[in-house]
Amino acid sequence: MTHDSVLMVTARVDSSGARVVPVGEVVMDTADRLRGVLLNALGRRPTALTVDLGEVSFLDSTGIAVLVQGYRLAVEFAVPMTVVNFRPPVRQVLELSGVLPLLEGEQ
């Protein structure tokens, strides 16, 4: 069975900060789309960055790597980054990988 993953990503950057909202699956063949939007948003040096995963149905190790990369770049740019609105399967993957506390801002 062939499965084509779909991911749409929107971003809003204004004086209150940046909000990135991916919709769909963040997997190997879609993760670059999220990476590009995160890097673009961070490049605009927002006051803060929120990544809303409420519409992400699945996240694999590539997606986790993109979120960690975004987090590291946010730290480098001194931009607070928080990831919010996890669906249970996404939360579980982030918990099992050990990165959930980092992304929730509990470090």
PDB file of N, CA and C in Angstrom:
ATOM      1  N   MET A   1       0.844  -1.186   0.000  1.00  0.00           N
ATOM      2  CA  MET A   1       0.000   0.000   0.000  1.00  0.00           C
ATOM      3  C   MET A   1       0.884   1.241   0.000  1.00  0.00           C
ATOM      4  N   THR A   2       0.615   2.155  -0.883  1.00  0.00           N
ATOM      5  CA  THR A   2       1.368   3.399  -0.957  1.00  0.00           C
ATOM      6  C   THR A   2       0.628   4.472  -0.175  1.00  0.00           C
ATOM      7  N   HIS A   3       1.405   5.238   0.558  1.00  0.00           N
ATOM      8  CA  HIS A   3       0.807   6.306   1.349  1.00  0.00           C
ATOM      9  C   HIS A   3       1.574   7.581   1.101  1.00  0.00           C
ATOM     10  N   ASP A   4       0.912   8.592   0.609  1.00  0.00           N
ATOM     11  CA  ASP A   4       1.536   9.881   0.382  1.00  0.00           C
ATOM     12  C   ASP A   4       1.231  10.787   1.556  1.00  0.00           C
ATOM     13  N   SER A   5       2.282  11.182   2.255  1.00  0.00           N
ATOM     14  CA  SER A   5       2.104  12.071   3.399  1.00  0.00           C
ATOM     15  C   SER A   5       1.902  13.495   2.906  1.00  0.00           C
ATOM     16  N   VAL A   6       1.053  14.205   3.608  1.00  0.00           N
ATOM     17  CA  VAL A   6       0.762  15.583   3.258  1.00  0.00           C
ATOM     18  C   VAL A   6       1.021  16.449   4.484  1.00  0.00           C
ATOM     19  N   LEU A   7       1.659  17.578   4.259  1.00  0.00           N
ATOM     20  CA  LEU A   7       1.893  18.530   5.341  1.00  0.00           C
ATOM     21  C   LEU A   7       1.756  19.938   4.789  1.00  0.00           C
ATOM     22  N   MET A   8       0.894  20.713   5.417  1.00  0.00           N
ATOM     23  CA  MET A   8       0.801  22.137   5.111  1.00  0.00           C
ATOM     24  C   MET A   8       1.297  22.874   6.351  1.00  0.00           C
ATOM     25  N   VAL A   9       2.029  23.951   6.147  1.00  0.00           N
ATOM     26  CA  VAL A   9       2.561  24.705   7.276  1.00  0.00           C
ATOM     27  C   VAL A   9       2.288  26.181   7.049  1.00  0.00           C
ATOM     28  N   THR A  10       1.684  26.816   8.047  1.00  0.00           N
ATOM     29  CA  THR A  10       1.476  28.257   7.983  1.00  0.00           C
ATOM     30  C   THR A  10       2.277  28.917   9.107  1.00  0.00           C
ATOM     31  N   ALA A  11       2.610  30.165   8.888  1.00  0.00           N
ATOM     32  CA  ALA A  11       3.349  30.918   9.894  1.00  0.00           C
ATOM     33  C   ALA A  11       2.837  32.340   9.931  1.00  0.00           C
ATOM     34  N   ARG A  12       2.802  32.873  11.126  1.00  0.00           N
ATOM     35  CA  ARG A  12       2.460  34.280  11.326  1.00  0.00           C
ATOM     36  C   ARG A  12       3.559  34.873  12.194  1.00  0.00           C
ATOM     37  N   VAL A  13       4.145  35.944  11.736  1.00  0.00           N
ATOM     38  CA  VAL A  13       5.169  36.643  12.510  1.00  0.00           C
ATOM     39  C   VAL A  13       4.739  38.093  12.621  1.00  0.00           C
ATOM     40  N   ASP A  14       4.579  38.566  13.864  1.00  0.00           N
ATOM     41  CA  ASP A  14       4.231  39.965  14.085  1.00  0.00           C
ATOM     42  C   ASP A  14       4.882  40.430  15.384  1.00  0.00           C
ATOM     43  N   SER A  15       4.467  41.561  15.891  1.00  0.00           N
ATOM     44  CA  SER A  15       5.110  42.124  17.080  1.00  0.00           C
ATOM     45  C   SER A  15       4.934  41.261  18.327  1.00  0.00           C
ATOM     46  N   SER A  16       3.926  40.382  18.322  1.00  0.00           N
ATOM     47  CA  SER A  16       3.719  39.508  19.482  1.00  0.00           C
ATOM     48  C   SER A  16       4.534  38.218  19.392  1.00  0.00           C
ATOM     49  N   GLY A  17       5.230  38.009  18.284  1.00  0.00           N
ATOM     50  CA  GLY A  17       6.046  36.812  18.118  1.00  0.00           C
ATOM     51  C   GLY A  17       5.653  36.059  16.870  1.00  0.00           C
ATOM     52  N   ALA A  18       6.116  34.819  16.783  1.00  0.00           N
ATOM     53  CA  ALA A  18       5.834  33.982  15.619  1.00  0.00           C
ATOM     54  C   ALA A  18       5.046  32.763  16.064  1.00  0.00           C
ATOM     55  N   ARG A  19       4.127  32.330  15.212  1.00  0.00           N
ATOM     56  CA  ARG A  19       3.347  31.114  15.458  1.00  0.00           C
ATOM     57  C   ARG A  19       3.391  30.280  14.186  1.00  0.00           C
ATOM     58  N   VAL A  20       3.902  29.059  14.316  1.00  0.00           N
ATOM     59  CA  VAL A  20       4.015  28.132  13.191  1.00  0.00           C
ATOM     60  C   VAL A  20       3.028  27.001  13.441  1.00  0.00           C
ATOM     61  N   VAL A  21       2.199  26.718  12.425  1.00  0.00           N
ATOM     62  CA  VAL A  21       1.152  25.704  12.571  1.00  0.00           C
ATOM     63  C   VAL A  21       1.253  24.694  11.426  1.00  0.00           C
ATOM     64  N   PRO A  22       1.869  23.532  11.702  1.00  0.00           N
ATOM     65  CA  PRO A  22       1.857  22.469  10.703  1.00  0.00           C
ATOM     66  C   PRO A  22       0.546  21.689  10.775  1.00  0.00           C
ATOM     67  N   VAL A  23       0.066  21.237   9.624  1.00  0.00           N
ATOM     68  CA  VAL A  23      -1.179  20.463   9.552  1.00  0.00           C
ATOM     69  C   VAL A  23      -0.899  19.219   8.719  1.00  0.00           C
ATOM     70  N   GLY A  24      -1.020  18.053   9.335  1.00  0.00           N
ATOM     71  CA  GLY A  24      -0.783  16.796   8.637  1.00  0.00           C
ATOM     72  C   GLY A  24       0.243  15.949   9.342  1.00  0.00           C
ATOM     73  N   GLU A  25       1.078  15.272   8.559  1.00  0.00           N
ATOM     74  CA  GLU A  25       2.096  14.373   9.087  1.00  0.00           C
ATOM     75  C   GLU A  25       3.480  14.973   8.895  1.00  0.00           C
ATOM     76  N   VAL A  26       4.270  15.003   9.979  1.00  0.00           N
ATOM     77  CA  VAL A  26       5.649  15.476   9.895  1.00  0.00           C
ATOM     78  C   VAL A  26       6.532  14.227   9.865  1.00  0.00           C
ATOM     79  N   VAL A  27       6.868  13.817   8.654  1.00  0.00           N
ATOM     80  CA  VAL A  27       7.637  12.597   8.425  1.00  0.00           C
ATOM     81  C   VAL A  27       8.770  12.889   7.433  1.00  0.00           C
ATOM     82  N   MET A  28       9.544  11.862   7.119  1.00  0.00           N
ATOM     83  CA  MET A  28      10.739  12.061   6.309  1.00  0.00           C
ATOM     84  C   MET A  28      10.484  12.850   5.028  1.00  0.00           C
ATOM     85  N   ASP A  29       9.394  12.565   4.331  1.00  0.00           N
ATOM     86  CA  ASP A  29       9.185  13.242   3.052  1.00  0.00           C
ATOM     87  C   ASP A  29       8.455  14.584   3.173  1.00  0.00           C
ATOM     88  N   THR A  30       8.109  15.010   4.385  1.00  0.00           N
ATOM     89  CA  THR A  30       7.456  16.314   4.557  1.00  0.00           C
ATOM     90  C   THR A  30       8.197  17.231   5.525  1.00  0.00           C
ATOM     91  N   ALA A  31       9.140  16.697   6.269  1.00  0.00           N
ATOM     92  CA  ALA A  31       9.783  17.465   7.340  1.00  0.00           C
ATOM     93  C   ALA A  31      10.517  18.706   6.835  1.00  0.00           C
ATOM     94  N   ASP A  32      11.047  18.649   5.612  1.00  0.00           N
ATOM     95  CA  ASP A  32      11.754  19.824   5.082  1.00  0.00           C
ATOM     96  C   ASP A  32      10.838  21.037   4.974  1.00  0.00           C
ATOM     97  N   ARG A  33       9.552  20.804   4.737  1.00  0.00           N
ATOM     98  CA  ARG A  33       8.608  21.917   4.654  1.00  0.00           C
ATOM     99  C   ARG A  33       8.526  22.624   6.008  1.00  0.00           C
ATOM    100  N   LEU A  34       8.400  21.849   7.087  1.00  0.00           N
ATOM    101  CA  LEU A  34       8.357  22.444   8.422  1.00  0.00           C
ATOM    102  C   LEU A  34       9.685  23.107   8.749  1.00  0.00           C
ATOM    103  N   ARG A  35      10.789  22.452   8.404  1.00  0.00           N
ATOM    104  CA  ARG A  35      12.116  23.032   8.665  1.00  0.00           C
ATOM    105  C   ARG A  35      12.238  24.399   8.000  1.00  0.00           C
ATOM    106  N   GLY A  36      11.834  24.494   6.753  1.00  0.00           N
ATOM    107  CA  GLY A  36      11.943  25.757   6.030  1.00  0.00           C
ATOM    108  C   GLY A  36      11.134  26.869   6.671  1.00  0.00           C
ATOM    109  N   VAL A  37       9.916  26.559   7.086  1.00  0.00           N
ATOM    110  CA  VAL A  37       9.061  27.576   7.713  1.00  0.00           C
ATOM    111  C   VAL A  37       9.634  27.988   9.072  1.00  0.00           C
ATOM    112  N   LEU A  38      10.116  27.022   9.849  1.00  0.00           N
ATOM    113  CA  LEU A  38      10.726  27.357  11.151  1.00  0.00           C
ATOM    114  C   LEU A  38      11.952  28.250  10.970  1.00  0.00           C
ATOM    115  N   LEU A  39      12.816  27.876  10.037  1.00  0.00           N
ATOM    116  CA  LEU A  39      14.032  28.671   9.819  1.00  0.00           C
ATOM    117  C   LEU A  39      13.695  30.069   9.330  1.00  0.00           C
ATOM    118  N   ASN A  40      12.705  30.165   8.453  1.00  0.00           N
ATOM    119  CA  ASN A  40      12.286  31.478   7.963  1.00  0.00           C
ATOM    120  C   ASN A  40      11.736  32.334   9.098  1.00  0.00           C
ATOM    121  N   ALA A  41      10.892  31.745   9.935  1.00  0.00           N
ATOM    122  CA  ALA A  41      10.308  32.491  11.057  1.00  0.00           C
ATOM    123  C   ALA A  41      11.401  32.938  12.022  1.00  0.00           C
ATOM    124  N   LEU A  42      12.331  32.045  12.351  1.00  0.00           N
ATOM    125  CA  LEU A  42      13.409  32.407  13.269  1.00  0.00           C
ATOM    126  C   LEU A  42      14.339  33.444  12.655  1.00  0.00           C
ATOM    127  N   GLY A  43      14.520  33.383  11.349  1.00  0.00           N
ATOM    128  CA  GLY A  43      15.360  34.358  10.664  1.00  0.00           C
ATOM    129  C   GLY A  43      14.823  35.776  10.765  1.00  0.00           C
ATOM    130  N   ARG A  44      13.545  35.897  11.046  1.00  0.00           N
ATOM    131  CA  ARG A  44      12.932  37.219  11.210  1.00  0.00           C
ATOM    132  C   ARG A  44      13.064  37.715  12.650  1.00  0.00           C
ATOM    133  N   ARG A  45      13.749  36.939  13.485  1.00  0.00           N
ATOM    134  CA  ARG A  45      14.052  37.279  14.887  1.00  0.00           C
ATOM    135  C   ARG A  45      12.808  37.718  15.666  1.00  0.00           C
ATOM    136  N   PRO A  46      11.814  36.831  15.777  1.00  0.00           N
ATOM    137  CA  PRO A  46      10.610  37.189  16.544  1.00  0.00           C
ATOM    138  C   PRO A  46      10.923  37.282  18.032  1.00  0.00           C
ATOM    139  N   THR A  47      10.025  37.899  18.786  1.00  0.00           N
ATOM    140  CA  THR A  47      10.213  37.994  20.231  1.00  0.00           C
ATOM    141  C   THR A  47      10.038  36.644  20.902  1.00  0.00           C
ATOM    142  N   ALA A  48       9.275  35.747  20.288  1.00  0.00           N
ATOM    143  CA  ALA A  48       9.062  34.381  20.776  1.00  0.00           C
ATOM    144  C   ALA A  48       8.548  33.556  19.606  1.00  0.00           C
ATOM    145  N   LEU A  49       8.679  32.229  19.739  1.00  0.00           N
ATOM    146  CA  LEU A  49       8.192  31.332  18.701  1.00  0.00           C
ATOM    147  C   LEU A  49       7.345  30.247  19.350  1.00  0.00           C
ATOM    148  N   THR A  50       6.125  30.082  18.838  1.00  0.00           N
ATOM    149  CA  THR A  50       5.242  29.015  19.282  1.00  0.00           C
ATOM    150  C   THR A  50       4.997  28.099  18.095  1.00  0.00           C
ATOM    151  N   VAL A  51       5.171  26.798  18.310  1.00  0.00           N
ATOM    152  CA  VAL A  51       4.864  25.807  17.289  1.00  0.00           C
ATOM    153  C   VAL A  51       3.642  25.044  17.788  1.00  0.00           C
ATOM    154  N   ASP A  52       2.540  25.168  17.062  1.00  0.00           N
ATOM    155  CA  ASP A  52       1.269  24.560  17.453  1.00  0.00           C
ATOM    156  C   ASP A  52       1.100  23.240  16.699  1.00  0.00           C
ATOM    157  N   LEU A  53       1.204  22.120  17.429  1.00  0.00           N
ATOM    158  CA  LEU A  53       1.107  20.799  16.809  1.00  0.00           C
ATOM    159  C   LEU A  53      -0.297  20.202  16.895  1.00  0.00           C
ATOM    160  N   GLY A  54      -1.295  21.023  17.198  1.00  0.00           N
ATOM    161  CA  GLY A  54      -2.654  20.531  17.374  1.00  0.00           C
ATOM    162  C   GLY A  54      -3.247  19.840  16.159  1.00  0.00           C
ATOM    163  N   GLU A  55      -2.734  20.145  14.969  1.00  0.00           N
ATOM    164  CA  GLU A  55      -3.247  19.533  13.745  1.00  0.00           C
ATOM    165  C   GLU A  55      -2.262  18.535  13.142  1.00  0.00           C
ATOM    166  N   VAL A  56      -1.246  18.158  13.918  1.00  0.00           N
ATOM    167  CA  VAL A  56      -0.291  17.154  13.442  1.00  0.00           C
ATOM    168  C   VAL A  56      -0.786  15.786  13.870  1.00  0.00           C
ATOM    169  N   SER A  57      -1.038  14.919  12.886  1.00  0.00           N
ATOM    170  CA  SER A  57      -1.578  13.594  13.185  1.00  0.00           C
ATOM    171  C   SER A  57      -0.491  12.559  13.436  1.00  0.00           C
ATOM    172  N   PHE A  58       0.716  12.806  12.926  1.00  0.00           N
ATOM    173  CA  PHE A  58       1.804  11.848  13.106  1.00  0.00           C
ATOM    174  C   PHE A  58       3.130  12.575  13.006  1.00  0.00           C
ATOM    175  N   LEU A  59       4.095  12.117  13.796  1.00  0.00           N
ATOM    176  CA  LEU A  59       5.425  12.718  13.833  1.00  0.00           C
ATOM    177  C   LEU A  59       6.424  11.576  13.936  1.00  0.00           C
ATOM    178  N   ASP A  60       7.377  11.508  13.008  1.00  0.00           N
ATOM    179  CA  ASP A  60       8.402  10.470  13.107  1.00  0.00           C
ATOM    180  C   ASP A  60       9.716  11.083  13.586  1.00  0.00           C
ATOM    181  N   SER A  61      10.783  10.291  13.562  1.00  0.00           N
ATOM    182  CA  SER A  61      12.070  10.770  14.082  1.00  0.00           C
ATOM    183  C   SER A  61      12.595  11.965  13.291  1.00  0.00           C
ATOM    184  N   THR A  62      12.274  12.043  12.017  1.00  0.00           N
ATOM    185  CA  THR A  62      12.693  13.190  11.211  1.00  0.00           C
ATOM    186  C   THR A  62      12.005  14.453  11.703  1.00  0.00           C
ATOM    187  N   GLY A  63      10.720  14.346  12.028  1.00  0.00           N
ATOM    188  CA  GLY A  63       9.978  15.478  12.577  1.00  0.00           C
ATOM    189  C   GLY A  63      10.535  15.913  13.921  1.00  0.00           C
ATOM    190  N   ILE A  64      10.884  14.943  14.754  1.00  0.00           N
ATOM    191  CA  ILE A  64      11.492  15.269  16.047  1.00  0.00           C
ATOM    192  C   ILE A  64      12.794  16.025  15.820  1.00  0.00           C
ATOM    193  N   ALA A  65      13.601  15.544  14.890  1.00  0.00           N
ATOM    194  CA  ALA A  65      14.877  16.202  14.600  1.00  0.00           C
ATOM    195  C   ALA A  65      14.678  17.647  14.142  1.00  0.00           C
ATOM    196  N   VAL A  66      13.651  17.894  13.331  1.00  0.00           N
ATOM    197  CA  VAL A  66      13.363  19.261  12.874  1.00  0.00           C
ATOM    198  C   VAL A  66      12.985  20.152  14.056  1.00  0.00           C
ATOM    199  N   LEU A  67      12.150  19.640  14.952  1.00  0.00           N
ATOM    200  CA  LEU A  67      11.764  20.434  16.127  1.00  0.00           C
ATOM    201  C   LEU A  67      12.968  20.731  17.014  1.00  0.00           C
ATOM    202  N   VAL A  68      13.843  19.753  17.214  1.00  0.00           N
ATOM    203  CA  VAL A  68      15.041  19.967  18.035  1.00  0.00           C
ATOM    204  C   VAL A  68      15.975  20.954  17.343  1.00  0.00           C
ATOM    205  N   GLN A  69      16.122  20.824  16.030  1.00  0.00           N
ATOM    206  CA  GLN A  69      16.953  21.778  15.284  1.00  0.00           C
ATOM    207  C   GLN A  69      16.395  23.196  15.437  1.00  0.00           C
ATOM    208  N   GLY A  70      15.087  23.340  15.309  1.00  0.00           N
ATOM    209  CA  GLY A  70      14.459  24.643  15.497  1.00  0.00           C
ATOM    210  C   GLY A  70      14.691  25.174  16.892  1.00  0.00           C
ATOM    211  N   TYR A  71      14.574  24.300  17.881  1.00  0.00           N
ATOM    212  CA  TYR A  71      14.799  24.705  19.270  1.00  0.00           C
ATOM    213  C   TYR A  71      16.238  25.197  19.464  1.00  0.00           C
ATOM    214  N   ARG A  72      17.195  24.457  18.936  1.00  0.00           N
ATOM    215  CA  ARG A  72      18.608  24.857  19.089  1.00  0.00           C
ATOM    216  C   ARG A  72      18.885  26.196  18.421  1.00  0.00           C
ATOM    217  N   LEU A  73      18.299  26.407  17.254  1.00  0.00           N
ATOM    218  CA  LEU A  73      18.485  27.686  16.564  1.00  0.00           C
ATOM    219  C   LEU A  73      17.803  28.805  17.348  1.00  0.00           C
ATOM    220  N   ALA A  74      16.632  28.526  17.905  1.00  0.00           N
ATOM    221  CA  ALA A  74      15.943  29.531  18.726  1.00  0.00           C
ATOM    222  C   ALA A  74      16.811  29.930  19.920  1.00  0.00           C
ATOM    223  N   VAL A  75      17.440  28.956  20.565  1.00  0.00           N
ATOM    224  CA  VAL A  75      18.343  29.250  21.686  1.00  0.00           C
ATOM    225  C   VAL A  75      19.504  30.119  21.205  1.00  0.00           C
ATOM    226  N   GLU A  76      20.073  29.757  20.070  1.00  0.00           N
ATOM    227  CA  GLU A  76      21.186  30.522  19.506  1.00  0.00           C
ATOM    228  C   GLU A  76      20.784  31.969  19.232  1.00  0.00           C
ATOM    229  N   PHE A  77      19.543  32.170  18.767  1.00  0.00           N
ATOM    230  CA  PHE A  77      19.042  33.510  18.466  1.00  0.00           C
ATOM    231  C   PHE A  77      18.412  34.189  19.677  1.00  0.00           C
ATOM    232  N   ALA A  78      18.414  33.516  20.829  1.00  0.00           N
ATOM    233  CA  ALA A  78      17.794  34.030  22.061  1.00  0.00           C
ATOM    234  C   ALA A  78      16.301  34.301  21.870  1.00  0.00           C
ATOM    235  N   VAL A  79      15.640  33.401  21.166  1.00  0.00           N
ATOM    236  CA  VAL A  79      14.192  33.480  20.939  1.00  0.00           C
ATOM    237  C   VAL A  79      13.538  32.335  21.723  1.00  0.00           C
ATOM    238  N   PRO A  80      12.714  32.645  22.717  1.00  0.00           N
ATOM    239  CA  PRO A  80      12.030  31.565  23.441  1.00  0.00           C
ATOM    240  C   PRO A  80      11.126  30.781  22.486  1.00  0.00           C
ATOM    241  N   MET A  81      11.259  29.447  22.506  1.00  0.00           N
ATOM    242  CA  MET A  81      10.442  28.598  21.642  1.00  0.00           C
ATOM    243  C   MET A  81       9.674  27.606  22.501  1.00  0.00           C
ATOM    244  N   THR A  82       8.389  27.504  22.229  1.00  0.00           N
ATOM    245  CA  THR A  82       7.535  26.558  22.935  1.00  0.00           C
ATOM    246  C   THR A  82       6.703  25.794  21.915  1.00  0.00           C
ATOM    247  N   VAL A  83       6.553  24.507  22.159  1.00  0.00           N
ATOM    248  CA  VAL A  83       5.707  23.667  21.317  1.00  0.00           C
ATOM    249  C   VAL A  83       4.464  23.334  22.129  1.00  0.00           C
ATOM    250  N   VAL A  84       3.285  23.514  21.513  1.00  0.00           N
ATOM    251  CA  VAL A  84       2.019  23.368  22.244  1.00  0.00           C
ATOM    252  C   VAL A  84       1.032  22.477  21.482  1.00  0.00           C
ATOM    253  N   ASN A  85      -0.034  22.091  22.171  1.00  0.00           N
ATOM    254  CA  ASN A  85      -1.187  21.378  21.585  1.00  0.00           C
ATOM    255  C   ASN A  85      -0.818  20.043  20.937  1.00  0.00           C
ATOM    256  N   PHE A  86      -0.342  19.136  21.760  1.00  0.00           N
ATOM    257  CA  PHE A  86       0.037  17.822  21.251  1.00  0.00           C
ATOM    258  C   PHE A  86      -1.160  16.882  21.233  1.00  0.00           C
ATOM    259  N   ARG A  87      -1.398  16.200  20.130  1.00  0.00           N
ATOM    260  CA  ARG A  87      -2.347  15.088  20.106  1.00  0.00           C
ATOM    261  C   ARG A  87      -1.685  13.925  20.855  1.00  0.00           C
ATOM    262  N   PRO A  88      -2.476  13.021  21.452  1.00  0.00           N
ATOM    263  CA  PRO A  88      -1.880  11.924  22.227  1.00  0.00           C
ATOM    264  C   PRO A  88      -0.785  11.125  21.511  1.00  0.00           C
ATOM    265  N   PRO A  89      -0.947  10.730  20.235  1.00  0.00           N
ATOM    266  CA  PRO A  89       0.135   9.958  19.605  1.00  0.00           C
ATOM    267  C   PRO A  89       1.418  10.773  19.432  1.00  0.00           C
ATOM    268  N   VAL A  90       1.273  12.063  19.160  1.00  0.00           N
ATOM    269  CA  VAL A  90       2.441  12.933  18.995  1.00  0.00           C
ATOM    270  C   VAL A  90       3.112  13.143  20.347  1.00  0.00           C
ATOM    271  N   ARG A  91       2.316  13.381  21.390  1.00  0.00           N
ATOM    272  CA  ARG A  91       2.866  13.532  22.737  1.00  0.00           C
ATOM    273  C   ARG A  91       3.651  12.282  23.134  1.00  0.00           C
ATOM    274  N   GLN A  92       3.091  11.117  22.832  1.00  0.00           N
ATOM    275  CA  GLN A  92       3.748   9.863  23.204  1.00  0.00           C
ATOM    276  C   GLN A  92       5.110   9.727  22.509  1.00  0.00           C
ATOM    277  N   VAL A  93       5.167  10.046  21.231  1.00  0.00           N
ATOM    278  CA  VAL A  93       6.436   9.964  20.494  1.00  0.00           C
ATOM    279  C   VAL A  93       7.461  10.921  21.106  1.00  0.00           C
ATOM    280  N   LEU A  94       7.026  12.131  21.452  1.00  0.00           N
ATOM    281  CA  LEU A  94       7.944  13.111  22.035  1.00  0.00           C
ATOM    282  C   LEU A  94       8.374  12.698  23.435  1.00  0.00           C
ATOM    283  N   GLU A  95       7.465  12.090  24.199  1.00  0.00           N
ATOM    284  CA  GLU A  95       7.829  11.590  25.525  1.00  0.00           C
ATOM    285  C   GLU A  95       8.848  10.465  25.414  1.00  0.00           C
ATOM    286  N   LEU A  96       8.586   9.502  24.541  1.00  0.00           N
ATOM    287  CA  LEU A  96       9.485   8.360  24.370  1.00  0.00           C
ATOM    288  C   LEU A  96      10.865   8.790  23.881  1.00  0.00           C
ATOM    289  N   SER A  97      10.915   9.831  23.075  1.00  0.00           N
ATOM    290  CA  SER A  97      12.201  10.315  22.556  1.00  0.00           C
ATOM    291  C   SER A  97      12.956  11.146  23.594  1.00  0.00           C
ATOM    292  N   GLY A  98      12.263  11.561  24.651  1.00  0.00           N
ATOM    293  CA  GLY A  98      12.911  12.340  25.705  1.00  0.00           C
ATOM    294  C   GLY A  98      12.981  13.834  25.454  1.00  0.00           C
ATOM    295  N   VAL A  99      12.389  14.315  24.371  1.00  0.00           N
ATOM    296  CA  VAL A  99      12.501  15.742  24.054  1.00  0.00           C
ATOM    297  C   VAL A  99      11.290  16.568  24.498  1.00  0.00           C
ATOM    298  N   LEU A 100      10.249  15.934  24.996  1.00  0.00           N
ATOM    299  CA  LEU A 100       9.042  16.668  25.386  1.00  0.00           C
ATOM    300  C   LEU A 100       9.322  17.773  26.408  1.00  0.00           C
ATOM    301  N   PRO A 101      10.052  17.512  27.483  1.00  0.00           N
ATOM    302  CA  PRO A 101      10.301  18.605  28.448  1.00  0.00           C
ATOM    303  C   PRO A 101      11.028  19.798  27.816  1.00  0.00           C
ATOM    304  N   LEU A 102      11.947  19.531  26.923  1.00  0.00           N
ATOM    305  CA  LEU A 102      12.677  20.591  26.239  1.00  0.00           C
ATOM    306  C   LEU A 102      11.728  21.453  25.417  1.00  0.00           C
ATOM    307  N   LEU A 103      10.860  20.793  24.644  1.00  0.00           N
ATOM    308  CA  LEU A 103       9.969  21.515  23.736  1.00  0.00           C
ATOM    309  C   LEU A 103       8.808  22.208  24.460  1.00  0.00           C
ATOM    310  N   GLU A 104       8.434  21.695  25.622  1.00  0.00           N
ATOM    311  CA  GLU A 104       7.363  22.327  26.390  1.00  0.00           C
ATOM    312  C   GLU A 104       7.874  23.482  27.250  1.00  0.00           C
ATOM    313  N   GLY A 105       9.170  23.708  27.209  1.00  0.00           N
ATOM    314  CA  GLY A 105       9.731  24.811  27.980  1.00  0.00           C
ATOM    315  C   GLY A 105       9.945  24.475  29.442  1.00  0.00           C
ATOM    316  N   GLU A 106      10.139  23.191  29.749  1.00  0.00           N
ATOM    317  CA  GLU A 106      10.326  22.769  31.139  1.00  0.00           C
ATOM    318  C   GLU A 106      11.782  22.464  31.487  1.00  0.00           C
ATOM    319  N   GLN A 107      12.701  22.873  30.616  1.00  0.00           N
ATOM    320  CA  GLN A 107      14.095  22.526  30.865  1.00  0.00           C
ATOM    321  C   GLN A 107      14.663  23.229  32.080  1.00  0.00           C
TER     322      GLN A 107
END
